[in-house]
Amino acid sequence: MGVGGAAIAQLSIFTNPIFAEANNVTLGVYAMDVRGKSPICPNEVSLTQTPRPYTEGSYTTDGSASLGWFAREFRIEKSDEFSVTWVAKLQIKYHNCKAGASITKYNGEPFEGHSYLRMRFVNDKVYLILDMTGLSDANGLMPVILNKGVKNGNPTWTWGGTD
């Protein structure tokens, strides 16, 4: 294949919409019954993850969460190569929420795998946890968190593994 053919092939890989399509991750929220009262909690929370174009030998996924509708600005509470926890104060409406959340749907389809994205609502705060522990890629290695941050008060992340 000549230089022109290689350039066209490469361009088609990077412009193929399947690589840039964002995936909607839905976390179902399960409130605790606190002394006979059900606290006001969100029913579900939506996050976004977008796979990057394929790179031989590995894969990478970028994620973000726009959570200002129920929480104030997030910050990273703790992190390492395999896990990151963001924390924020809950908005007034949800300040009494005591709940946990895990992945229930991926692009609208039921999700039954290991919930590597989870949330806790407790003590007027919400925690978003991205945890690679317990996952493995095609080579039997654990995926790692490549980047974690906060953009405009909302959690952002990048994780990846080998294929």
Foldseek 3Di string as FASTA:
>chain_A
DDPVVVVVVVVCQQPVVVQFDKKKWKKAKDFDCDPNDTADDDRIAIKIKGKHRDDAFKTKIKIWGDDVVWFFFWFWPDDDFFKTKIKTFTDPSRQQTFIKIFTQDMNNHGDDDDGQWMWGRDNRMIMIMRGQPPDADPVRHTKTWPDWGGDPRIIMTMIMDTD
